[in-house]
Amino acid sequence: MTPSLSSSQTRLRLWDHISRELKLMPSLKLILLVLANYTDAHNHKANIPASLIIRDSGLRNEEVKRLLVSLEAAHWVESNRVLDDTGRSVILYNLSARLVQSALSSP
């Protein structure tokens, strides 16, 4: 991976790769693009909840939850469960390390 990329360069590479290279349904790509938009250039993580994906994508809650399961099963997305400030369990989503590496290593 190229650590010298700025945040905007990282997002552009991710967006370009997802938009042009991945052969997925538009709604799946939309979720990946939302995640790419929040992906940090340094740690390559977005760490965002489904509620933010729902807000930014305009897709319905049930649809996003179903599509996230599909994307995770296909290894395009990774999730981790954390506790929020109130002690509630929250699932945060990221692009998979494989997807990020593929996007950032392509010329």
PDB file of N, CA and C in Angstrom:
ATOM      1  N   MET A   1       0.835  -1.173   0.000  1.00  0.00           N
ATOM      2  CA  MET A   1       0.000   0.000   0.000  1.00  0.00           C
ATOM      3  C   MET A   1       0.883   1.241   0.000  1.00  0.00           C
ATOM      4  N   THR A   2       0.298   2.336  -0.429  1.00  0.00           N
ATOM      5  CA  THR A   2       1.058   3.563  -0.547  1.00  0.00           C
ATOM      6  C   THR A   2       0.713   4.491   0.611  1.00  0.00           C
ATOM      7  N   PRO A   3       1.579   4.592   1.638  1.00  0.00           N
ATOM      8  CA  PRO A   3       1.251   5.405   2.804  1.00  0.00           C
ATOM      9  C   PRO A   3       1.322   6.902   2.551  1.00  0.00           C
ATOM     10  N   SER A   4       1.919   7.329   1.452  1.00  0.00           N
ATOM     11  CA  SER A   4       2.098   8.756   1.205  1.00  0.00           C
ATOM     12  C   SER A   4       0.889   9.423   0.539  1.00  0.00           C
ATOM     13  N   LEU A   5      -0.187   8.693   0.339  1.00  0.00           N
ATOM     14  CA  LEU A   5      -1.376   9.281  -0.273  1.00  0.00           C
ATOM     15  C   LEU A   5      -2.125  10.145   0.734  1.00  0.00           C
ATOM     16  N   SER A   6      -2.647  11.262   0.250  1.00  0.00           N
ATOM     17  CA  SER A   6      -3.482  12.113   1.102  1.00  0.00           C
ATOM     18  C   SER A   6      -4.856  11.460   1.253  1.00  0.00           C
ATOM     19  N   SER A   7      -5.662  12.007   2.145  1.00  0.00           N
ATOM     20  CA  SER A   7      -7.016  11.474   2.339  1.00  0.00           C
ATOM     21  C   SER A   7      -7.828  11.530   1.056  1.00  0.00           C
ATOM     22  N   SER A   8      -7.744  12.649   0.338  1.00  0.00           N
ATOM     23  CA  SER A   8      -8.527  12.771  -0.893  1.00  0.00           C
ATOM     24  C   SER A   8      -8.005  11.826  -1.969  1.00  0.00           C
ATOM     25  N   GLN A   9      -6.686  11.622  -2.058  1.00  0.00           N
ATOM     26  CA  GLN A   9      -6.138  10.682  -3.037  1.00  0.00           C
ATOM     27  C   GLN A   9      -6.561   9.250  -2.706  1.00  0.00           C
ATOM     28  N   THR A  10      -6.563   8.914  -1.427  1.00  0.00           N
ATOM     29  CA  THR A  10      -6.994   7.588  -1.001  1.00  0.00           C
ATOM     30  C   THR A  10      -8.446   7.359  -1.391  1.00  0.00           C
ATOM     31  N   ARG A  11      -9.314   8.330  -1.071  1.00  0.00           N
ATOM     32  CA  ARG A  11     -10.734   8.197  -1.409  1.00  0.00           C
ATOM     33  C   ARG A  11     -10.936   8.084  -2.916  1.00  0.00           C
ATOM     34  N   LEU A  12     -10.211   8.887  -3.686  1.00  0.00           N
ATOM     35  CA  LEU A  12     -10.340   8.826  -5.148  1.00  0.00           C
ATOM     36  C   LEU A  12      -9.955   7.459  -5.692  1.00  0.00           C
ATOM     37  N   ARG A  13      -8.874   6.896  -5.172  1.00  0.00           N
ATOM     38  CA  ARG A  13      -8.455   5.563  -5.628  1.00  0.00           C
ATOM     39  C   ARG A  13      -9.495   4.513  -5.266  1.00  0.00           C
ATOM     40  N   LEU A  14     -10.019   4.600  -4.052  1.00  0.00           N
ATOM     41  CA  LEU A  14     -11.053   3.656  -3.627  1.00  0.00           C
ATOM     42  C   LEU A  14     -12.292   3.804  -4.493  1.00  0.00           C
ATOM     43  N   TRP A  15     -12.755   5.038  -4.690  1.00  0.00           N
ATOM     44  CA  TRP A  15     -13.941   5.290  -5.504  1.00  0.00           C
ATOM     45  C   TRP A  15     -13.735   4.778  -6.930  1.00  0.00           C
ATOM     46  N   ASP A  16     -12.585   5.073  -7.509  1.00  0.00           N
ATOM     47  CA  ASP A  16     -12.306   4.649  -8.875  1.00  0.00           C
ATOM     48  C   ASP A  16     -12.322   3.128  -8.984  1.00  0.00           C
ATOM     49  N   HIS A  17     -11.668   2.465  -8.056  1.00  0.00           N
ATOM     50  CA  HIS A  17     -11.608   0.999  -8.084  1.00  0.00           C
ATOM     51  C   HIS A  17     -13.000   0.387  -7.921  1.00  0.00           C
ATOM     52  N   ILE A  18     -13.742   0.877  -6.936  1.00  0.00           N
ATOM     53  CA  ILE A  18     -15.080   0.342  -6.688  1.00  0.00           C
ATOM     54  C   ILE A  18     -15.982   0.596  -7.897  1.00  0.00           C
ATOM     55  N   SER A  19     -15.943   1.801  -8.433  1.00  0.00           N
ATOM     56  CA  SER A  19     -16.820   2.175  -9.551  1.00  0.00           C
ATOM     57  C   SER A  19     -16.494   1.436 -10.839  1.00  0.00           C
ATOM     58  N   ARG A  20     -15.209   1.300 -11.141  1.00  0.00           N
ATOM     59  CA  ARG A  20     -14.807   0.752 -12.438  1.00  0.00           C
ATOM     60  C   ARG A  20     -14.492  -0.733 -12.442  1.00  0.00           C
ATOM     61  N   GLU A  21     -13.901  -1.219 -11.373  1.00  0.00           N
ATOM     62  CA  GLU A  21     -13.380  -2.587 -11.383  1.00  0.00           C
ATOM     63  C   GLU A  21     -14.329  -3.635 -10.821  1.00  0.00           C
ATOM     64  N   LEU A  22     -15.141  -3.268  -9.854  1.00  0.00           N
ATOM     65  CA  LEU A  22     -15.997  -4.261  -9.213  1.00  0.00           C
ATOM     66  C   LEU A  22     -17.290  -4.455  -9.995  1.00  0.00           C
ATOM     67  N   LYS A  23     -17.596  -5.676 -10.268  1.00  0.00           N
ATOM     68  CA  LYS A  23     -18.822  -6.022 -10.989  1.00  0.00           C
ATOM     69  C   LYS A  23     -19.883  -6.422  -9.967  1.00  0.00           C
ATOM     70  N   LEU A  24     -20.532  -5.413  -9.419  1.00  0.00           N
ATOM     71  CA  LEU A  24     -21.550  -5.614  -8.391  1.00  0.00           C
ATOM     72  C   LEU A  24     -22.800  -4.813  -8.738  1.00  0.00           C
ATOM     73  N   MET A  25     -23.909  -5.181  -8.095  1.00  0.00           N
ATOM     74  CA  MET A  25     -25.153  -4.425  -8.263  1.00  0.00           C
ATOM     75  C   MET A  25     -24.932  -3.000  -7.765  1.00  0.00           C
ATOM     76  N   PRO A  26     -25.619  -2.020  -8.365  1.00  0.00           N
ATOM     77  CA  PRO A  26     -25.450  -0.616  -7.957  1.00  0.00           C
ATOM     78  C   PRO A  26     -25.663  -0.371  -6.465  1.00  0.00           C
ATOM     79  N   SER A  27     -26.617  -1.025  -5.837  1.00  0.00           N
ATOM     80  CA  SER A  27     -26.854  -0.796  -4.409  1.00  0.00           C
ATOM     81  C   SER A  27     -25.681  -1.298  -3.562  1.00  0.00           C
ATOM     82  N   LEU A  28     -25.033  -2.375  -3.978  1.00  0.00           N
ATOM     83  CA  LEU A  28     -23.852  -2.869  -3.270  1.00  0.00           C
ATOM     84  C   LEU A  28     -22.686  -1.898  -3.437  1.00  0.00           C
ATOM     85  N   LYS A  29     -22.507  -1.406  -4.662  1.00  0.00           N
ATOM     86  CA  LYS A  29     -21.446  -0.430  -4.916  1.00  0.00           C
ATOM     87  C   LYS A  29     -21.679   0.843  -4.110  1.00  0.00           C
ATOM     88  N   LEU A  30     -22.927   1.260  -3.997  1.00  0.00           N
ATOM     89  CA  LEU A  30     -23.255   2.473  -3.249  1.00  0.00           C
ATOM     90  C   LEU A  30     -22.806   2.355  -1.795  1.00  0.00           C
ATOM     91  N   ILE A  31     -23.045   1.218  -1.184  1.00  0.00           N
ATOM     92  CA  ILE A  31     -22.616   1.006   0.196  1.00  0.00           C
ATOM     93  C   ILE A  31     -21.093   1.054   0.288  1.00  0.00           C
ATOM     94  N   LEU A  32     -20.417   0.417  -0.659  1.00  0.00           N
ATOM     95  CA  LEU A  32     -18.954   0.447  -0.661  1.00  0.00           C
ATOM     96  C   LEU A  32     -18.432   1.870  -0.862  1.00  0.00           C
ATOM     97  N   LEU A  33     -19.096   2.643  -1.698  1.00  0.00           N
ATOM     98  CA  LEU A  33     -18.680   4.028  -1.937  1.00  0.00           C
ATOM     99  C   LEU A  33     -18.871   4.891  -0.691  1.00  0.00           C
ATOM    100  N   VAL A  34     -19.944   4.654   0.046  1.00  0.00           N
ATOM    101  CA  VAL A  34     -20.149   5.379   1.303  1.00  0.00           C
ATOM    102  C   VAL A  34     -19.019   5.039   2.264  1.00  0.00           C
ATOM    103  N   LEU A  35     -18.692   3.762   2.385  1.00  0.00           N
ATOM    104  CA  LEU A  35     -17.590   3.359   3.256  1.00  0.00           C
ATOM    105  C   LEU A  35     -16.272   3.978   2.796  1.00  0.00           C
ATOM    106  N   ALA A  36     -16.051   3.991   1.494  1.00  0.00           N
ATOM    107  CA  ALA A  36     -14.818   4.582   0.952  1.00  0.00           C
ATOM    108  C   ALA A  36     -14.726   6.059   1.317  1.00  0.00           C
ATOM    109  N   ASN A  37     -15.850   6.732   1.313  1.00  0.00           N
ATOM    110  CA  ASN A  37     -15.867   8.163   1.612  1.00  0.00           C
ATOM    111  C   ASN A  37     -15.412   8.466   3.036  1.00  0.00           C
ATOM    112  N   TYR A  38     -15.595   7.514   3.942  1.00  0.00           N
ATOM    113  CA  TYR A  38     -15.207   7.703   5.346  1.00  0.00           C
ATOM    114  C   TYR A  38     -13.893   7.013   5.701  1.00  0.00           C
ATOM    115  N   THR A  39     -13.266   6.356   4.742  1.00  0.00           N
ATOM    116  CA  THR A  39     -12.042   5.610   5.027  1.00  0.00           C
ATOM    117  C   THR A  39     -10.865   6.555   5.246  1.00  0.00           C
ATOM    118  N   ASP A  40     -10.196   6.379   6.364  1.00  0.00           N
ATOM    119  CA  ASP A  40      -9.050   7.199   6.750  1.00  0.00           C
ATOM    120  C   ASP A  40      -7.825   6.793   5.928  1.00  0.00           C
ATOM    121  N   ALA A  41      -7.055   7.774   5.493  1.00  0.00           N
ATOM    122  CA  ALA A  41      -5.884   7.516   4.647  1.00  0.00           C
ATOM    123  C   ALA A  41      -4.766   6.812   5.409  1.00  0.00           C
ATOM    124  N   HIS A  42      -4.733   6.949   6.723  1.00  0.00           N
ATOM    125  CA  HIS A  42      -3.619   6.388   7.492  1.00  0.00           C
ATOM    126  C   HIS A  42      -3.875   4.963   7.959  1.00  0.00           C
ATOM    127  N   ASN A  43      -5.050   4.712   8.522  1.00  0.00           N
ATOM    128  CA  ASN A  43      -5.308   3.361   9.029  1.00  0.00           C
ATOM    129  C   ASN A  43      -6.226   2.546   8.115  1.00  0.00           C
ATOM    130  N   HIS A  44      -6.715   3.180   7.049  1.00  0.00           N
ATOM    131  CA  HIS A  44      -7.572   2.531   6.050  1.00  0.00           C
ATOM    132  C   HIS A  44      -8.852   1.954   6.654  1.00  0.00           C
ATOM    133  N   LYS A  45      -9.369   2.617   7.685  1.00  0.00           N
ATOM    134  CA  LYS A  45     -10.604   2.207   8.346  1.00  0.00           C
ATOM    135  C   LYS A  45     -11.619   3.345   8.296  1.00  0.00           C
ATOM    136  N   ALA A  46     -12.887   2.976   8.184  1.00  0.00           N
ATOM    137  CA  ALA A  46     -13.972   3.954   8.256  1.00  0.00           C
ATOM    138  C   ALA A  46     -14.617   3.917   9.642  1.00  0.00           C
ATOM    139  N   ASN A  47     -14.817   2.696  10.162  1.00  0.00           N
ATOM    140  CA  ASN A  47     -15.442   2.503  11.477  1.00  0.00           C
ATOM    141  C   ASN A  47     -16.738   3.283  11.613  1.00  0.00           C
ATOM    142  N   ILE A  48     -17.667   3.022  10.706  1.00  0.00           N
ATOM    143  CA  ILE A  48     -18.960   3.714  10.768  1.00  0.00           C
ATOM    144  C   ILE A  48     -20.098   2.720  10.989  1.00  0.00           C
ATOM    145  N   PRO A  49     -21.148   3.158  11.688  1.00  0.00           N
ATOM    146  CA  PRO A  49     -22.300   2.287  11.923  1.00  0.00           C
ATOM    147  C   PRO A  49     -23.216   2.236  10.696  1.00  0.00           C
ATOM    148  N   ALA A  50     -24.075   1.241  10.688  1.00  0.00           N
ATOM    149  CA  ALA A  50     -25.036   1.093   9.592  1.00  0.00           C
ATOM    150  C   ALA A  50     -25.924   2.325   9.462  1.00  0.00           C
ATOM    151  N   SER A  51     -26.231   2.998  10.576  1.00  0.00           N
ATOM    152  CA  SER A  51     -27.100   4.175  10.522  1.00  0.00           C
ATOM    153  C   SER A  51     -26.518   5.266   9.632  1.00  0.00           C
ATOM    154  N   LEU A  52     -25.203   5.421   9.636  1.00  0.00           N
ATOM    155  CA  LEU A  52     -24.556   6.423   8.782  1.00  0.00           C
ATOM    156  C   LEU A  52     -24.597   5.987   7.316  1.00  0.00           C
ATOM    157  N   ILE A  53     -24.444   4.701   7.069  1.00  0.00           N
ATOM    158  CA  ILE A  53     -24.559   4.178   5.703  1.00  0.00           C
ATOM    159  C   ILE A  53     -25.977   4.392   5.182  1.00  0.00           C
ATOM    160  N   ILE A  54     -26.954   4.148   6.028  1.00  0.00           N
ATOM    161  CA  ILE A  54     -28.362   4.347   5.655  1.00  0.00           C
ATOM    162  C   ILE A  54     -28.607   5.814   5.321  1.00  0.00           C
ATOM    163  N   ARG A  55     -28.130   6.701   6.181  1.00  0.00           N
ATOM    164  CA  ARG A  55     -28.317   8.143   5.953  1.00  0.00           C
ATOM    165  C   ARG A  55     -27.675   8.598   4.643  1.00  0.00           C
ATOM    166  N   ASP A  56     -26.430   8.206   4.420  1.00  0.00           N
ATOM    167  CA  ASP A  56     -25.698   8.697   3.254  1.00  0.00           C
ATOM    168  C   ASP A  56     -26.091   8.018   1.949  1.00  0.00           C
ATOM    169  N   SER A  57     -26.571   6.798   2.026  1.00  0.00           N
ATOM    170  CA  SER A  57     -26.926   6.072   0.793  1.00  0.00           C
ATOM    171  C   SER A  57     -28.362   6.341   0.352  1.00  0.00           C
ATOM    172  N   GLY A  58     -29.217   6.668   1.313  1.00  0.00           N
ATOM    173  CA  GLY A  58     -30.626   6.850   0.997  1.00  0.00           C
ATOM    174  C   GLY A  58     -31.376   5.531   0.856  1.00  0.00           C
ATOM    175  N   LEU A  59     -30.691   4.425   1.137  1.00  0.00           N
ATOM    176  CA  LEU A  59     -31.338   3.111   1.064  1.00  0.00           C
ATOM    177  C   LEU A  59     -32.094   2.839   2.363  1.00  0.00           C
ATOM    178  N   ARG A  60     -33.054   1.941   2.297  1.00  0.00           N
ATOM    179  CA  ARG A  60     -33.854   1.590   3.475  1.00  0.00           C
ATOM    180  C   ARG A  60     -33.030   0.766   4.463  1.00  0.00           C
ATOM    181  N   ASN A  61     -33.360   0.896   5.727  1.00  0.00           N
ATOM    182  CA  ASN A  61     -32.686   0.200   6.814  1.00  0.00           C
ATOM    183  C   ASN A  61     -32.581  -1.304   6.539  1.00  0.00           C
ATOM    184  N   GLU A  62     -33.693  -1.944   6.222  1.00  0.00           N
ATOM    185  CA  GLU A  62     -33.710  -3.395   6.007  1.00  0.00           C
ATOM    186  C   GLU A  62     -32.806  -3.783   4.840  1.00  0.00           C
ATOM    187  N   GLU A  63     -32.838  -2.972   3.789  1.00  0.00           N
ATOM    188  CA  GLU A  63     -32.029  -3.261   2.615  1.00  0.00           C
ATOM    189  C   GLU A  63     -30.537  -3.145   2.929  1.00  0.00           C
ATOM    190  N   VAL A  64     -30.153  -2.089   3.642  1.00  0.00           N
ATOM    191  CA  VAL A  64     -28.743  -1.904   3.999  1.00  0.00           C
ATOM    192  C   VAL A  64     -28.258  -3.061   4.863  1.00  0.00           C
ATOM    193  N   LYS A  65     -29.034  -3.449   5.848  1.00  0.00           N
ATOM    194  CA  LYS A  65     -28.634  -4.557   6.730  1.00  0.00           C
ATOM    195  C   LYS A  65     -28.449  -5.845   5.925  1.00  0.00           C
ATOM    196  N   ARG A  66     -29.366  -6.117   5.003  1.00  0.00           N
ATOM    197  CA  ARG A  66     -29.281  -7.313   4.169  1.00  0.00           C
ATOM    198  C   ARG A  66     -28.057  -7.250   3.258  1.00  0.00           C
ATOM    199  N   LEU A  67     -27.820  -6.090   2.644  1.00  0.00           N
ATOM    200  CA  LEU A  67     -26.689  -5.937   1.732  1.00  0.00           C
ATOM    201  C   LEU A  67     -25.349  -5.992   2.464  1.00  0.00           C
ATOM    202  N   LEU A  68     -25.300  -5.470   3.684  1.00  0.00           N
ATOM    203  CA  LEU A  68     -24.065  -5.547   4.467  1.00  0.00           C
ATOM    204  C   LEU A  68     -23.701  -6.999   4.780  1.00  0.00           C
ATOM    205  N   VAL A  69     -24.695  -7.813   5.074  1.00  0.00           N
ATOM    206  CA  VAL A  69     -24.445  -9.246   5.322  1.00  0.00           C
ATOM    207  C   VAL A  69     -23.866  -9.881   4.065  1.00  0.00           C
ATOM    208  N   SER A  70     -24.436  -9.556   2.922  1.00  0.00           N
ATOM    209  CA  SER A  70     -23.952 -10.081   1.645  1.00  0.00           C
ATOM    210  C   SER A  70     -22.529  -9.621   1.346  1.00  0.00           C
ATOM    211  N   LEU A  71     -22.256  -8.332   1.549  1.00  0.00           N
ATOM    212  CA  LEU A  71     -20.917  -7.787   1.299  1.00  0.00           C
ATOM    213  C   LEU A  71     -19.881  -8.387   2.244  1.00  0.00           C
ATOM    214  N   GLU A  72     -20.290  -8.628   3.476  1.00  0.00           N
ATOM    215  CA  GLU A  72     -19.359  -9.230   4.433  1.00  0.00           C
ATOM    216  C   GLU A  72     -19.075 -10.689   4.069  1.00  0.00           C
ATOM    217  N   ALA A  73     -20.106 -11.406   3.653  1.00  0.00           N
ATOM    218  CA  ALA A  73     -19.923 -12.807   3.252  1.00  0.00           C
ATOM    219  C   ALA A  73     -19.004 -12.926   2.038  1.00  0.00           C
ATOM    220  N   ALA A  74     -19.033 -11.924   1.159  1.00  0.00           N
ATOM    221  CA  ALA A  74     -18.190 -11.919  -0.039  1.00  0.00           C
ATOM    222  C   ALA A  74     -16.815 -11.282   0.225  1.00  0.00           C
ATOM    223  N   HIS A  75     -16.544 -10.923   1.470  1.00  0.00           N
ATOM    224  CA  HIS A  75     -15.255 -10.347   1.887  1.00  0.00           C
ATOM    225  C   HIS A  75     -14.954  -8.990   1.254  1.00  0.00           C
ATOM    226  N   TRP A  76     -16.002  -8.186   1.011  1.00  0.00           N
ATOM    227  CA  TRP A  76     -15.818  -6.811   0.543  1.00  0.00           C
ATOM    228  C   TRP A  76     -15.861  -5.851   1.724  1.00  0.00           C
ATOM    229  N   VAL A  77     -16.499  -6.290   2.805  1.00  0.00           N
ATOM    230  CA  VAL A  77     -16.706  -5.462   3.995  1.00  0.00           C
ATOM    231  C   VAL A  77     -16.324  -6.283   5.224  1.00  0.00           C
ATOM    232  N   GLU A  78     -15.803  -5.582   6.224  1.00  0.00           N
ATOM    233  CA  GLU A  78     -15.499  -6.201   7.517  1.00  0.00           C
ATOM    234  C   GLU A  78     -16.262  -5.438   8.588  1.00  0.00           C
ATOM    235  N   SER A  79     -16.624  -6.139   9.651  1.00  0.00           N
ATOM    236  CA  SER A  79     -17.317  -5.467  10.752  1.00  0.00           C
ATOM    237  C   SER A  79     -16.668  -5.838  12.073  1.00  0.00           C
ATOM    238  N   ASN A  80     -16.854  -4.977  13.049  1.00  0.00           N
ATOM    239  CA  ASN A  80     -16.430  -5.292  14.402  1.00  0.00           C
ATOM    240  C   ASN A  80     -17.417  -4.680  15.383  1.00  0.00           C
ATOM    241  N   ARG A  81     -17.651  -5.413  16.449  1.00  0.00           N
ATOM    242  CA  ARG A  81     -18.600  -4.992  17.477  1.00  0.00           C
ATOM    243  C   ARG A  81     -17.836  -4.277  18.580  1.00  0.00           C
ATOM    244  N   VAL A  82     -18.313  -3.086  18.937  1.00  0.00           N
ATOM    245  CA  VAL A  82     -17.689  -2.298  20.004  1.00  0.00           C
ATOM    246  C   VAL A  82     -18.785  -1.800  20.948  1.00  0.00           C
ATOM    247  N   LEU A  83     -18.368  -1.322  22.104  1.00  0.00           N
ATOM    248  CA  LEU A  83     -19.303  -0.719  23.045  1.00  0.00           C
ATOM    249  C   LEU A  83     -19.247   0.792  22.878  1.00  0.00           C
ATOM    250  N   ASP A  84     -20.437   1.422  22.820  1.00  0.00           N
ATOM    251  CA  ASP A  84     -20.456   2.880  22.734  1.00  0.00           C
ATOM    252  C   ASP A  84     -20.327   3.471  24.137  1.00  0.00           C
ATOM    253  N   ASP A  85     -20.431   4.781  24.241  1.00  0.00           N
ATOM    254  CA  ASP A  85     -20.248   5.469  25.521  1.00  0.00           C
ATOM    255  C   ASP A  85     -21.258   5.048  26.579  1.00  0.00           C
ATOM    256  N   THR A  86     -22.419   4.586  26.136  1.00  0.00           N
ATOM    257  CA  THR A  86     -23.456   4.176  27.091  1.00  0.00           C
ATOM    258  C   THR A  86     -23.375   2.692  27.416  1.00  0.00           C
ATOM    259  N   GLY A  87     -22.410   1.981  26.824  1.00  0.00           N
ATOM    260  CA  GLY A  87     -22.263   0.553  27.083  1.00  0.00           C
ATOM    261  C   GLY A  87     -23.051  -0.326  26.133  1.00  0.00           C
ATOM    262  N   ARG A  88     -23.739   0.284  25.165  1.00  0.00           N
ATOM    263  CA  ARG A  88     -24.483  -0.489  24.167  1.00  0.00           C
ATOM    264  C   ARG A  88     -23.527  -1.046  23.127  1.00  0.00           C
ATOM    265  N   SER A  89     -23.850  -2.216  22.627  1.00  0.00           N
ATOM    266  CA  SER A  89     -23.049  -2.846  21.586  1.00  0.00           C
ATOM    267  C   SER A  89     -23.420  -2.261  20.226  1.00  0.00           C
ATOM    268  N   VAL A  90     -22.409  -1.846  19.457  1.00  0.00           N
ATOM    269  CA  VAL A  90     -22.616  -1.249  18.136  1.00  0.00           C
ATOM    270  C   VAL A  90     -21.693  -1.959  17.146  1.00  0.00           C
ATOM    271  N   ILE A  91     -22.197  -2.221  15.959  1.00  0.00           N
ATOM    272  CA  ILE A  91     -21.365  -2.822  14.916  1.00  0.00           C
ATOM    273  C   ILE A  91     -20.865  -1.708  14.002  1.00  0.00           C
ATOM    274  N   LEU A  92     -19.545  -1.661  13.797  1.00  0.00           N
ATOM    275  CA  LEU A  92     -18.930  -0.681  12.913  1.00  0.00           C
ATOM    276  C   LEU A  92     -18.419  -1.393  11.665  1.00  0.00           C
ATOM    277  N   TYR A  93     -18.546  -0.723  10.531  1.00  0.00           N
ATOM    278  CA  TYR A  93     -18.199  -1.325   9.244  1.00  0.00           C
ATOM    279  C   TYR A  93     -17.017  -0.628   8.588  1.00  0.00           C
ATOM    280  N   ASN A  94     -16.242  -1.434   7.835  1.00  0.00           N
ATOM    281  CA  ASN A  94     -15.089  -0.968   7.077  1.00  0.00           C
ATOM    282  C   ASN A  94     -15.018  -1.727   5.762  1.00  0.00           C
ATOM    283  N   LEU A  95     -14.345  -1.128   4.796  1.00  0.00           N
ATOM    284  CA  LEU A  95     -13.996  -1.876   3.599  1.00  0.00           C
ATOM    285  C   LEU A  95     -13.016  -2.962   4.028  1.00  0.00           C
ATOM    286  N   SER A  96     -13.041  -4.099   3.355  1.00  0.00           N
ATOM    287  CA  SER A  96     -12.117  -5.172   3.712  1.00  0.00           C
ATOM    288  C   SER A  96     -10.687  -4.755   3.393  1.00  0.00           C
ATOM    289  N   ALA A  97      -9.752  -5.299   4.139  1.00  0.00           N
ATOM    290  CA  ALA A  97      -8.336  -5.011   3.908  1.00  0.00           C
ATOM    291  C   ALA A  97      -7.948  -5.411   2.482  1.00  0.00           C
ATOM    292  N   ARG A  98      -8.506  -6.504   2.000  1.00  0.00           N
ATOM    293  CA  ARG A  98      -8.226  -6.983   0.645  1.00  0.00           C
ATOM    294  C   ARG A  98      -8.671  -5.960  -0.403  1.00  0.00           C
ATOM    295  N   LEU A  99      -9.860  -5.406  -0.227  1.00  0.00           N
ATOM    296  CA  LEU A  99     -10.381  -4.415  -1.165  1.00  0.00           C
ATOM    297  C   LEU A  99      -9.527  -3.148  -1.138  1.00  0.00           C
ATOM    298  N   VAL A 100      -9.181  -2.673   0.043  1.00  0.00           N
ATOM    299  CA  VAL A 100      -8.369  -1.471   0.170  1.00  0.00           C
ATOM    300  C   VAL A 100      -7.007  -1.692  -0.476  1.00  0.00           C
ATOM    301  N   GLN A 101      -6.394  -2.824  -0.188  1.00  0.00           N
ATOM    302  CA  GLN A 101      -5.067  -3.111  -0.756  1.00  0.00           C
ATOM    303  C   GLN A 101      -5.125  -3.170  -2.277  1.00  0.00           C
ATOM    304  N   SER A 102      -6.149  -3.819  -2.798  1.00  0.00           N
ATOM    305  CA  SER A 102      -6.306  -3.914  -4.257  1.00  0.00           C
ATOM    306  C   SER A 102      -6.483  -2.535  -4.890  1.00  0.00           C
ATOM    307  N   ALA A 103      -7.280  -1.692  -4.274  1.00  0.00           N
ATOM    308  CA  ALA A 103      -7.535  -0.354  -4.811  1.00  0.00           C
ATOM    309  C   ALA A 103      -6.298   0.534  -4.756  1.00  0.00           C
ATOM    310  N   LEU A 104      -5.572   0.461  -3.659  1.00  0.00           N
ATOM    311  CA  LEU A 104      -4.429   1.357  -3.480  1.00  0.00           C
ATOM    312  C   LEU A 104      -3.169   0.861  -4.174  1.00  0.00           C
ATOM    313  N   SER A 105      -3.122  -0.402  -4.537  1.00  0.00           N
ATOM    314  CA  SER A 105      -1.934  -0.906  -5.213  1.00  0.00           C
ATOM    315  C   SER A 105      -2.052  -0.848  -6.737  1.00  0.00           C
ATOM    316  N   SER A 106      -3.262  -0.619  -7.234  1.00  0.00           N
ATOM    317  CA  SER A 106      -3.422  -0.517  -8.694  1.00  0.00           C
ATOM    318  C   SER A 106      -2.898   0.823  -9.180  1.00  0.00           C
ATOM    319  N   PRO A 107      -2.302   0.830 -10.394  1.00  0.00           N
ATOM    320  CA  PRO A 107      -1.685   2.066 -10.901  1.00  0.00           C
ATOM    321  C   PRO A 107      -2.673   3.188 -11.177  1.00  0.00           C
TER     322      PRO A 107
END
